[in-house]
Amino acid sequence: MRRSFTLIEIIFVLIILGILASIGSEIIVKVYENYLLTRSVSSSSYKLDVALLQISKRLSNRIKNTEVTRDDTDALATLSITGGTQFNHIEWIGRAYEVRRGEWNGSYNAPGYSGYTDFEDTNKTELSSPGSNLGVAQNIIKSLYGLDFNESNNGTALIFYNAFTTNPLMAFGWGGLAPTSVYTVYKKDNKTFNFDNDDNKTVSDIYNLACTAYALRHTDDDKLLLYYDYRPWDGDIYTNGNNIVLIDNVTTFKIRKLDRALEIRICAEDNTTGTPVEFCGKKVIF
């Protein structure tokens, strides 16, 4: 005759199963929480890395010493290295490196502009730049910046290296000041720029071509915005430009000038799991 389970044995088994079930559910919950945390960490770290990469790319192609900052009242100031001061806003003029790189001609990248001046064929109305192909430059400027390089007063400008010893607020037109070291130009032929006026000019053997300034701004709603498509030498300020959000939920954005380098530090918060987690990143740009 087959022996059946007693009531006590059944109750004992049910108790053991209940204990195992509670332990198993806690493990499943913990595994899921760890999964959410890992996903949050991975996603937030990726967003932070992308933001730092975009900033680094733009700042590494800045025209050196054109950088300025703004205080809490939006007043402009130079970006100094005094006492390791940290700032939360930065603006700079970008070198049109895509135009300099030019386009592939089947054998090599033909530059849109060379960056060099031929003094013999340069005067106060035009500048000769051997090695340039301003027809290529015209196409790239139109595609990337929407400027008609064939027309006068189109916004494209030349900035010379001798401008770097000048106060950037006065030299480049920040804050509506008349620029002393920026000369707007348009295309005359493949190697010659026409200046927009015939005033006397101070030029050097090396120049940069600029089509826009940039600004990084940490907003009150914790976004980090990149402003572009504005030209201080034409009287624009950063709010006249377009902007994109580089990263949300920013808790810290600081810039520090270190001699010829800039140090950028960003911290952002992620609340996906219900518990705020802060992520920080830093990059030094020369």
C-alpha atoms as a PDB file:
ATOM      1  CA  MET A   1       0.000   0.000   0.000  1.00  0.00           C
ATOM      2  CA  ARG A   2       1.420   3.454  -1.023  1.00  0.00           C
ATOM      3  CA  ARG A   3       2.013   5.863   1.813  1.00  0.00           C
ATOM      4  CA  SER A   4       0.547   9.408   1.341  1.00  0.00           C
ATOM      5  CA  PHE A   5       1.987  12.695   2.613  1.00  0.00           C
ATOM      6  CA  THR A   6       0.862  13.897   5.997  1.00  0.00           C
ATOM      7  CA  LEU A   7      -0.552  17.383   6.473  1.00  0.00           C
ATOM      8  CA  ILE A   8       2.572  18.436   8.369  1.00  0.00           C
ATOM      9  CA  GLU A   9       4.807  17.322   5.513  1.00  0.00           C
ATOM     10  CA  ILE A  10       2.717  19.266   2.981  1.00  0.00           C
ATOM     11  CA  ILE A  11       2.799  22.396   5.157  1.00  0.00           C
ATOM     12  CA  PHE A  12       6.561  22.023   5.573  1.00  0.00           C
ATOM     13  CA  VAL A  13       7.050  21.747   1.801  1.00  0.00           C
ATOM     14  CA  LEU A  14       4.840  24.797   1.206  1.00  0.00           C
ATOM     15  CA  ILE A  15       6.874  26.791   3.716  1.00  0.00           C
ATOM     16  CA  ILE A  16      10.139  25.823   1.989  1.00  0.00           C
ATOM     17  CA  LEU A  17       8.688  26.711  -1.434  1.00  0.00           C
ATOM     18  CA  GLY A  18       7.521  30.082  -0.074  1.00  0.00           C
ATOM     19  CA  ILE A  19      10.992  30.821   1.273  1.00  0.00           C
ATOM     20  CA  LEU A  20      12.589  29.860  -2.035  1.00  0.00           C
ATOM     21  CA  ALA A  21      10.060  31.971  -3.962  1.00  0.00           C
ATOM     22  CA  SER A  22      10.719  35.054  -1.822  1.00  0.00           C
ATOM     23  CA  ILE A  23      14.484  34.643  -2.227  1.00  0.00           C
ATOM     24  CA  GLY A  24      14.086  34.117  -5.974  1.00  0.00           C
ATOM     25  CA  SER A  25      11.885  37.193  -6.400  1.00  0.00           C
ATOM     26  CA  GLU A  26      14.407  39.326  -4.504  1.00  0.00           C
ATOM     27  CA  ILE A  27      17.160  38.051  -6.794  1.00  0.00           C
ATOM     28  CA  ILE A  28      15.065  38.817  -9.885  1.00  0.00           C
ATOM     29  CA  VAL A  29      14.276  42.332  -8.594  1.00  0.00           C
ATOM     30  CA  LYS A  30      17.938  42.953  -7.789  1.00  0.00           C
ATOM     31  CA  VAL A  31      19.043  41.697 -11.215  1.00  0.00           C
ATOM     32  CA  TYR A  32      16.502  43.972 -12.909  1.00  0.00           C
ATOM     33  CA  GLU A  33      17.585  46.969 -10.801  1.00  0.00           C
ATOM     34  CA  ASN A  34      21.222  46.280 -11.708  1.00  0.00           C
ATOM     35  CA  TYR A  35      20.235  46.054 -15.360  1.00  0.00           C
ATOM     36  CA  LEU A  36      18.475  49.435 -15.189  1.00  0.00           C
ATOM     37  CA  LEU A  37      21.451  50.988 -13.421  1.00  0.00           C
ATOM     38  CA  THR A  38      23.911  49.542 -15.945  1.00  0.00           C
ATOM     39  CA  ARG A  39      21.779  50.788 -18.836  1.00  0.00           C
ATOM     40  CA  SER A  40      21.512  54.217 -17.203  1.00  0.00           C
ATOM     41  CA  VAL A  41      25.264  54.394 -16.652  1.00  0.00           C
ATOM     42  CA  SER A  42      25.999  53.303 -20.219  1.00  0.00           C
ATOM     43  CA  SER A  43      23.480  55.713 -21.793  1.00  0.00           C
ATOM     44  CA  SER A  44      24.498  58.708 -19.679  1.00  0.00           C
ATOM     45  CA  SER A  45      28.214  58.065 -20.163  1.00  0.00           C
ATOM     46  CA  TYR A  46      27.688  57.823 -23.926  1.00  0.00           C
ATOM     47  CA  LYS A  47      25.748  61.121 -24.034  1.00  0.00           C
ATOM     48  CA  LEU A  48      28.429  62.828 -21.960  1.00  0.00           C
ATOM     49  CA  ASP A  49      31.215  61.465 -24.186  1.00  0.00           C
ATOM     50  CA  VAL A  50      29.390  62.643 -27.330  1.00  0.00           C
ATOM     51  CA  ALA A  51      28.890  66.132 -25.861  1.00  0.00           C
ATOM     52  CA  LEU A  52      32.567  66.388 -24.889  1.00  0.00           C
ATOM     53  CA  LEU A  53      33.610  65.143 -28.339  1.00  0.00           C
ATOM     54  CA  GLN A  54      31.474  67.764 -30.100  1.00  0.00           C
ATOM     55  CA  ILE A  55      32.818  70.526 -27.853  1.00  0.00           C
ATOM     56  CA  SER A  56      36.393  69.339 -28.319  1.00  0.00           C
ATOM     57  CA  LYS A  57      36.018  69.272 -32.111  1.00  0.00           C
ATOM     58  CA  ARG A  58      34.742  72.849 -32.232  1.00  0.00           C
ATOM     59  CA  LEU A  59      37.168  74.269 -29.680  1.00  0.00           C
ATOM     60  CA  SER A  60      40.204  72.575 -31.214  1.00  0.00           C
ATOM     61  CA  ASN A  61      39.410  74.560 -34.376  1.00  0.00           C
ATOM     62  CA  ARG A  62      38.924  77.871 -32.584  1.00  0.00           C
ATOM     63  CA  ILE A  63      40.993  80.858 -33.609  1.00  0.00           C
ATOM     64  CA  LYS A  64      43.269  81.183 -30.607  1.00  0.00           C
ATOM     65  CA  ASN A  65      42.733  84.126 -28.253  1.00  0.00           C
ATOM     66  CA  THR A  66      39.322  85.021 -29.648  1.00  0.00           C
ATOM     67  CA  GLU A  67      37.686  83.456 -26.555  1.00  0.00           C
ATOM     68  CA  VAL A  68      35.463  85.574 -24.298  1.00  0.00           C
ATOM     69  CA  THR A  69      33.061  84.827 -21.443  1.00  0.00           C
ATOM     70  CA  ARG A  70      29.980  86.388 -19.829  1.00  0.00           C
ATOM     71  CA  ASP A  71      29.113  86.942 -16.191  1.00  0.00           C
ATOM     72  CA  ASP A  72      25.708  86.429 -14.512  1.00  0.00           C
ATOM     73  CA  THR A  73      24.457  89.732 -15.941  1.00  0.00           C
ATOM     74  CA  ASP A  74      25.529  88.672 -19.473  1.00  0.00           C
ATOM     75  CA  ALA A  75      28.332  91.259 -19.500  1.00  0.00           C
ATOM     76  CA  LEU A  76      31.306  90.286 -21.661  1.00  0.00           C
ATOM     77  CA  ALA A  77      34.823  89.746 -20.317  1.00  0.00           C
ATOM     78  CA  THR A  78      38.047  88.224 -21.594  1.00  0.00           C
ATOM     79  CA  LEU A  79      38.770  84.612 -20.687  1.00  0.00           C
ATOM     80  CA  SER A  80      41.739  85.042 -18.350  1.00  0.00           C
ATOM     81  CA  ILE A  81      43.988  82.534 -16.575  1.00  0.00           C
ATOM     82  CA  THR A  82      44.262  84.647 -13.405  1.00  0.00           C
ATOM     83  CA  GLY A  83      44.070  82.465 -10.311  1.00  0.00           C
ATOM     84  CA  GLY A  84      42.667  79.508 -12.220  1.00  0.00           C
ATOM     85  CA  THR A  85      39.268  81.225 -12.485  1.00  0.00           C
ATOM     86  CA  GLN A  86      36.458  78.971 -13.736  1.00  0.00           C
ATOM     87  CA  PHE A  87      33.713  80.227 -16.039  1.00  0.00           C
ATOM     88  CA  ASN A  88      30.330  78.790 -17.057  1.00  0.00           C
ATOM     89  CA  HIS A  89      29.981  80.504 -20.436  1.00  0.00           C
ATOM     90  CA  ILE A  90      32.402  80.697 -23.356  1.00  0.00           C
ATOM     91  CA  GLU A  91      32.314  82.179 -26.866  1.00  0.00           C
ATOM     92  CA  TRP A  92      34.914  81.962 -29.606  1.00  0.00           C
ATOM     93  CA  ILE A  93      35.393  82.462 -33.328  1.00  0.00           C
ATOM     94  CA  GLY A  94      35.822  79.273 -35.279  1.00  0.00           C
ATOM     95  CA  ARG A  95      38.336  78.660 -38.029  1.00  0.00           C
ATOM     96  CA  ALA A  96      36.503  77.413 -41.130  1.00  0.00           C
ATOM     97  CA  TYR A  97      38.512  74.190 -41.167  1.00  0.00           C
ATOM     98  CA  GLU A  98      36.101  72.409 -43.524  1.00  0.00           C
ATOM     99  CA  VAL A  99      36.733  75.149 -46.088  1.00  0.00           C
ATOM    100  CA  ARG A 100      40.503  74.958 -45.506  1.00  0.00           C
ATOM    101  CA  ARG A 101      40.391  71.176 -46.006  1.00  0.00           C
ATOM    102  CA  GLY A 102      38.643  71.697 -49.352  1.00  0.00           C
ATOM    103  CA  GLU A 103      37.456  68.823 -51.495  1.00  0.00           C
ATOM    104  CA  TRP A 104      38.875  65.699 -53.116  1.00  0.00           C
ATOM    105  CA  ASN A 105      40.027  66.325 -56.696  1.00  0.00           C
ATOM    106  CA  GLY A 106      40.792  62.691 -57.537  1.00  0.00           C
ATOM    107  CA  SER A 107      44.356  62.750 -56.242  1.00  0.00           C
ATOM    108  CA  TYR A 108      44.336  64.803 -53.030  1.00  0.00           C
ATOM    109  CA  ASN A 109      42.244  67.240 -51.017  1.00  0.00           C
ATOM    110  CA  ALA A 110      42.499  70.619 -52.757  1.00  0.00           C
ATOM    111  CA  PRO A 111      42.231  73.340 -50.073  1.00  0.00           C
ATOM    112  CA  GLY A 112      39.537  75.978 -50.384  1.00  0.00           C
ATOM    113  CA  TYR A 113      41.958  78.580 -49.027  1.00  0.00           C
ATOM    114  CA  SER A 114      45.669  78.303 -48.268  1.00  0.00           C
ATOM    115  CA  GLY A 115      45.914  80.669 -45.299  1.00  0.00           C
ATOM    116  CA  TYR A 116      48.899  82.518 -46.832  1.00  0.00           C
ATOM    117  CA  THR A 117      49.179  86.068 -48.168  1.00  0.00           C
ATOM    118  CA  ASP A 118      51.078  87.210 -51.239  1.00  0.00           C
ATOM    119  CA  PHE A 119      52.097  90.765 -50.277  1.00  0.00           C
ATOM    120  CA  GLU A 120      53.143  91.733 -53.803  1.00  0.00           C
ATOM    121  CA  ASP A 121      49.581  91.417 -55.124  1.00  0.00           C
ATOM    122  CA  THR A 122      47.788  92.562 -51.961  1.00  0.00           C
ATOM    123  CA  ASN A 123      46.493  96.056 -51.229  1.00  0.00           C
ATOM    124  CA  LYS A 124      43.738  97.700 -49.188  1.00  0.00           C
ATOM    125  CA  THR A 125      41.027  96.539 -51.613  1.00  0.00           C
ATOM    126  CA  GLU A 126      42.075  92.931 -52.277  1.00  0.00           C
ATOM    127  CA  LEU A 127      44.238  90.124 -50.925  1.00  0.00           C
ATOM    128  CA  SER A 128      46.046  87.542 -53.036  1.00  0.00           C
ATOM    129  CA  SER A 129      46.304  84.055 -51.513  1.00  0.00           C
ATOM    130  CA  PRO A 130      48.424  81.637 -53.605  1.00  0.00           C
ATOM    131  CA  GLY A 131      47.451  77.991 -53.344  1.00  0.00           C
ATOM    132  CA  SER A 132      43.793  78.823 -52.708  1.00  0.00           C
ATOM    133  CA  ASN A 133      40.834  77.629 -54.743  1.00  0.00           C
ATOM    134  CA  LEU A 134      38.100  80.057 -53.766  1.00  0.00           C
ATOM    135  CA  GLY A 135      35.667  78.400 -56.156  1.00  0.00           C
ATOM    136  CA  VAL A 136      35.852  75.311 -53.946  1.00  0.00           C
ATOM    137  CA  ALA A 137      35.630  77.550 -50.873  1.00  0.00           C
ATOM    138  CA  GLN A 138      32.506  79.187 -52.283  1.00  0.00           C
ATOM    139  CA  ASN A 139      30.683  75.858 -52.613  1.00  0.00           C
ATOM    140  CA  ILE A 140      31.584  74.692 -49.099  1.00  0.00           C
ATOM    141  CA  ILE A 141      30.701  78.045 -47.505  1.00  0.00           C
ATOM    142  CA  LYS A 142      27.307  77.980 -49.219  1.00  0.00           C
ATOM    143  CA  SER A 143      26.620  74.381 -48.155  1.00  0.00           C
ATOM    144  CA  LEU A 144      27.731  74.673 -44.521  1.00  0.00           C
ATOM    145  CA  TYR A 145      26.998  78.279 -43.587  1.00  0.00           C
ATOM    146  CA  GLY A 146      24.421  79.446 -46.130  1.00  0.00           C
ATOM    147  CA  LEU A 147      26.577  82.448 -47.102  1.00  0.00           C
ATOM    148  CA  ASP A 148      26.935  83.645 -50.687  1.00  0.00           C
ATOM    149  CA  PHE A 149      30.703  84.088 -50.951  1.00  0.00           C
ATOM    150  CA  ASN A 150      30.279  85.709 -54.379  1.00  0.00           C
ATOM    151  CA  GLU A 151      28.425  88.681 -52.879  1.00  0.00           C
ATOM    152  CA  SER A 152      29.894  91.561 -50.876  1.00  0.00           C
ATOM    153  CA  ASN A 153      28.975  91.878 -47.180  1.00  0.00           C
ATOM    154  CA  ASN A 154      28.080  88.171 -47.005  1.00  0.00           C
ATOM    155  CA  GLY A 155      29.567  87.721 -43.495  1.00  0.00           C
ATOM    156  CA  THR A 156      32.750  85.801 -44.366  1.00  0.00           C
ATOM    157  CA  ALA A 157      35.822  87.339 -42.710  1.00  0.00           C
ATOM    158  CA  LEU A 158      39.604  87.164 -42.615  1.00  0.00           C
ATOM    159  CA  ILE A 159      41.420  87.298 -39.281  1.00  0.00           C
ATOM    160  CA  PHE A 160      45.177  87.784 -39.230  1.00  0.00           C
ATOM    161  CA  TYR A 161      47.681  86.485 -36.722  1.00  0.00           C
ATOM    162  CA  ASN A 162      48.786  89.994 -35.782  1.00  0.00           C
ATOM    163  CA  ALA A 163      45.343  90.402 -34.200  1.00  0.00           C
ATOM    164  CA  PHE A 164      46.243  88.024 -31.386  1.00  0.00           C
ATOM    165  CA  THR A 165      48.073  90.629 -29.340  1.00  0.00           C
ATOM    166  CA  THR A 166      44.978  92.819 -29.226  1.00  0.00           C
ATOM    167  CA  ASN A 167      42.194  92.807 -26.629  1.00  0.00           C
ATOM    168  CA  PRO A 168      39.681  90.337 -28.127  1.00  0.00           C
ATOM    169  CA  LEU A 169      36.696  92.457 -27.095  1.00  0.00           C
ATOM    170  CA  MET A 170      37.908  95.283 -29.318  1.00  0.00           C
ATOM    171  CA  ALA A 171      39.671  93.208 -31.978  1.00  0.00           C
ATOM    172  CA  PHE A 172      36.824  90.937 -33.051  1.00  0.00           C
ATOM    173  CA  GLY A 173      33.669  92.987 -32.492  1.00  0.00           C
ATOM    174  CA  TRP A 174      32.336  91.274 -29.364  1.00  0.00           C
ATOM    175  CA  GLY A 175      29.526  93.160 -27.647  1.00  0.00           C
ATOM    176  CA  GLY A 176      28.826  95.408 -30.603  1.00  0.00           C
ATOM    177  CA  LEU A 177      32.264  97.068 -30.549  1.00  0.00           C
ATOM    178  CA  ALA A 178      33.669  98.023 -33.954  1.00  0.00           C
ATOM    179  CA  PRO A 179      36.137  95.256 -34.897  1.00  0.00           C
ATOM    180  CA  THR A 180      39.715  96.356 -35.436  1.00  0.00           C
ATOM    181  CA  SER A 181      41.198  93.061 -36.639  1.00  0.00           C
ATOM    182  CA  VAL A 182      38.444  91.455 -38.728  1.00  0.00           C
ATOM    183  CA  TYR A 183      38.019  92.215 -42.415  1.00  0.00           C
ATOM    184  CA  THR A 184      34.955  90.967 -44.273  1.00  0.00           C
ATOM    185  CA  VAL A 185      35.622  89.642 -47.755  1.00  0.00           C
ATOM    186  CA  TYR A 186      34.105  88.052 -50.839  1.00  0.00           C
ATOM    187  CA  LYS A 187      35.465  86.111 -53.798  1.00  0.00           C
ATOM    188  CA  LYS A 188      37.079  87.969 -56.685  1.00  0.00           C
ATOM    189  CA  ASP A 189      38.687  84.993 -58.432  1.00  0.00           C
ATOM    190  CA  ASN A 190      40.105  81.602 -57.451  1.00  0.00           C
ATOM    191  CA  LYS A 191      43.025  83.041 -55.478  1.00  0.00           C
ATOM    192  CA  THR A 192      41.936  86.602 -54.655  1.00  0.00           C
ATOM    193  CA  PHE A 193      39.683  88.014 -51.938  1.00  0.00           C
ATOM    194  CA  ASN A 194      37.981  91.386 -52.334  1.00  0.00           C
ATOM    195  CA  PHE A 195      37.666  93.415 -49.120  1.00  0.00           C
ATOM    196  CA  ASP A 196      34.238  94.917 -48.422  1.00  0.00           C
ATOM    197  CA  ASN A 197      35.738  98.387 -47.944  1.00  0.00           C
ATOM    198  CA  ASP A 198      38.851 100.271 -49.029  1.00  0.00           C
ATOM    199  CA  ASP A 199      39.982 101.396 -45.563  1.00  0.00           C
ATOM    200  CA  ASN A 200      43.620 100.939 -44.621  1.00  0.00           C
ATOM    201  CA  LYS A 201      44.282  97.485 -43.184  1.00  0.00           C
ATOM    202  CA  THR A 202      46.947  95.719 -41.149  1.00  0.00           C
ATOM    203  CA  VAL A 203      47.590  92.266 -42.603  1.00  0.00           C
ATOM    204  CA  SER A 204      50.137  89.524 -42.000  1.00  0.00           C
ATOM    205  CA  ASP A 205      51.508  86.623 -44.004  1.00  0.00           C
ATOM    206  CA  ILE A 206      49.144  84.121 -42.334  1.00  0.00           C
ATOM    207  CA  TYR A 207      45.368  84.452 -41.983  1.00  0.00           C
ATOM    208  CA  ASN A 208      42.323  82.485 -40.883  1.00  0.00           C
ATOM    209  CA  LEU A 209      38.969  82.391 -42.654  1.00  0.00           C
ATOM    210  CA  ALA A 210      35.931  82.653 -40.357  1.00  0.00           C
ATOM    211  CA  CYS A 211      32.242  82.228 -41.113  1.00  0.00           C
ATOM    212  CA  THR A 212      30.725  82.005 -37.620  1.00  0.00           C
ATOM    213  CA  ALA A 213      31.301  82.353 -33.908  1.00  0.00           C
ATOM    214  CA  TYR A 214      30.220  79.753 -31.321  1.00  0.00           C
ATOM    215  CA  ALA A 215      28.996  79.869 -27.736  1.00  0.00           C
ATOM    216  CA  LEU A 216      28.456  77.285 -24.996  1.00  0.00           C
ATOM    217  CA  ARG A 217      25.784  78.210 -22.473  1.00  0.00           C
ATOM    218  CA  HIS A 218      24.544  76.360 -19.359  1.00  0.00           C
ATOM    219  CA  THR A 219      20.874  77.353 -19.110  1.00  0.00           C
ATOM    220  CA  ASP A 220      18.639  77.722 -16.061  1.00  0.00           C
ATOM    221  CA  ASP A 221      16.711  74.580 -17.075  1.00  0.00           C
ATOM    222  CA  ASP A 222      19.941  72.515 -16.920  1.00  0.00           C
ATOM    223  CA  LYS A 223      20.624  72.230 -20.631  1.00  0.00           C
ATOM    224  CA  LEU A 224      23.996  72.761 -22.291  1.00  0.00           C
ATOM    225  CA  LEU A 225      23.424  74.661 -25.536  1.00  0.00           C
ATOM    226  CA  LEU A 226      25.794  75.190 -28.445  1.00  0.00           C
ATOM    227  CA  TYR A 227      25.079  78.445 -30.320  1.00  0.00           C
ATOM    228  CA  TYR A 228      26.336  78.950 -33.870  1.00  0.00           C
ATOM    229  CA  ASP A 229      25.631  80.896 -37.073  1.00  0.00           C
ATOM    230  CA  TYR A 230      26.241  84.383 -35.681  1.00  0.00           C
ATOM    231  CA  ARG A 231      28.974  86.889 -36.438  1.00  0.00           C
ATOM    232  CA  PRO A 232      30.099  89.398 -33.781  1.00  0.00           C
ATOM    233  CA  TRP A 233      32.023  91.392 -36.403  1.00  0.00           C
ATOM    234  CA  ASP A 234      28.610  92.135 -37.982  1.00  0.00           C
ATOM    235  CA  GLY A 235      27.104  93.185 -34.638  1.00  0.00           C
ATOM    236  CA  ASP A 236      25.508  89.811 -33.770  1.00  0.00           C
ATOM    237  CA  ILE A 237      25.354  88.326 -30.275  1.00  0.00           C
ATOM    238  CA  TYR A 238      24.998  84.628 -29.496  1.00  0.00           C
ATOM    239  CA  THR A 239      21.208  84.810 -29.107  1.00  0.00           C
ATOM    240  CA  ASN A 240      20.991  85.917 -32.759  1.00  0.00           C
ATOM    241  CA  GLY A 241      22.341  82.511 -33.791  1.00  0.00           C
ATOM    242  CA  ASN A 242      20.850  79.039 -33.944  1.00  0.00           C
ATOM    243  CA  ASN A 243      21.373  76.543 -31.134  1.00  0.00           C
ATOM    244  CA  ILE A 244      21.270  72.833 -30.381  1.00  0.00           C
ATOM    245  CA  VAL A 245      21.079  70.953 -27.070  1.00  0.00           C
ATOM    246  CA  LEU A 246      24.290  69.011 -26.483  1.00  0.00           C
ATOM    247  CA  ILE A 247      23.155  67.344 -23.244  1.00  0.00           C
ATOM    248  CA  ASP A 248      20.270  67.601 -20.732  1.00  0.00           C
ATOM    249  CA  ASN A 249      20.188  67.551 -16.912  1.00  0.00           C
ATOM    250  CA  VAL A 250      23.536  69.324 -16.580  1.00  0.00           C
ATOM    251  CA  THR A 251      24.470  70.030 -12.956  1.00  0.00           C
ATOM    252  CA  THR A 252      27.940  71.499 -13.595  1.00  0.00           C
ATOM    253  CA  PHE A 253      29.580  73.190 -16.571  1.00  0.00           C
ATOM    254  CA  LYS A 254      32.937  74.871 -16.013  1.00  0.00           C
ATOM    255  CA  ILE A 255      35.675  76.202 -18.277  1.00  0.00           C
ATOM    256  CA  ARG A 256      39.181  77.042 -17.146  1.00  0.00           C
ATOM    257  CA  LYS A 257      41.924  78.608 -19.244  1.00  0.00           C
ATOM    258  CA  LEU A 258      45.337  77.005 -18.790  1.00  0.00           C
ATOM    259  CA  ASP A 259      47.854  79.090 -20.713  1.00  0.00           C
ATOM    260  CA  ARG A 260      47.101  78.053 -24.329  1.00  0.00           C
ATOM    261  CA  ALA A 261      44.753  75.216 -23.384  1.00  0.00           C
ATOM    262  CA  LEU A 262      41.150  75.097 -22.191  1.00  0.00           C
ATOM    263  CA  GLU A 263      39.829  72.643 -19.608  1.00  0.00           C
ATOM    264  CA  ILE A 264      36.144  71.737 -19.878  1.00  0.00           C
ATOM    265  CA  ARG A 265      34.289  69.934 -17.058  1.00  0.00           C
ATOM    266  CA  ILE A 266      30.696  68.707 -17.348  1.00  0.00           C
ATOM    267  CA  CYS A 267      28.554  66.855 -14.809  1.00  0.00           C
ATOM    268  CA  ALA A 268      25.066  65.582 -15.671  1.00  0.00           C
ATOM    269  CA  GLU A 269      22.432  63.716 -13.681  1.00  0.00           C
ATOM    270  CA  ASP A 270      20.375  60.669 -14.605  1.00  0.00           C
ATOM    271  CA  ASN A 271      17.201  59.749 -12.684  1.00  0.00           C
ATOM    272  CA  THR A 272      16.055  56.764 -14.759  1.00  0.00           C
ATOM    273  CA  THR A 273      16.220  54.336 -11.842  1.00  0.00           C
ATOM    274  CA  GLY A 274      14.458  56.683  -9.419  1.00  0.00           C
ATOM    275  CA  THR A 275      17.727  57.416  -7.637  1.00  0.00           C
ATOM    276  CA  PRO A 276      19.747  60.361  -9.047  1.00  0.00           C
ATOM    277  CA  VAL A 277      23.141  59.301 -10.392  1.00  0.00           C
ATOM    278  CA  GLU A 278      25.696  61.974 -11.382  1.00  0.00           C
ATOM    279  CA  PHE A 279      28.209  61.500 -14.190  1.00  0.00           C
ATOM    280  CA  CYS A 280      31.182  63.787 -14.767  1.00  0.00           C
ATOM    281  CA  GLY A 281      33.678  64.179 -17.581  1.00  0.00           C
ATOM    282  CA  LYS A 282      36.630  66.418 -18.297  1.00  0.00           C
ATOM    283  CA  LYS A 283      38.607  67.300 -21.392  1.00  0.00           C
ATOM    284  CA  VAL A 284      41.615  69.501 -22.063  1.00  0.00           C
ATOM    285  CA  ILE A 285      41.682  71.133 -25.502  1.00  0.00           C
ATOM    286  CA  PHE A 286      44.754  72.742 -26.979  1.00  0.00           C
END
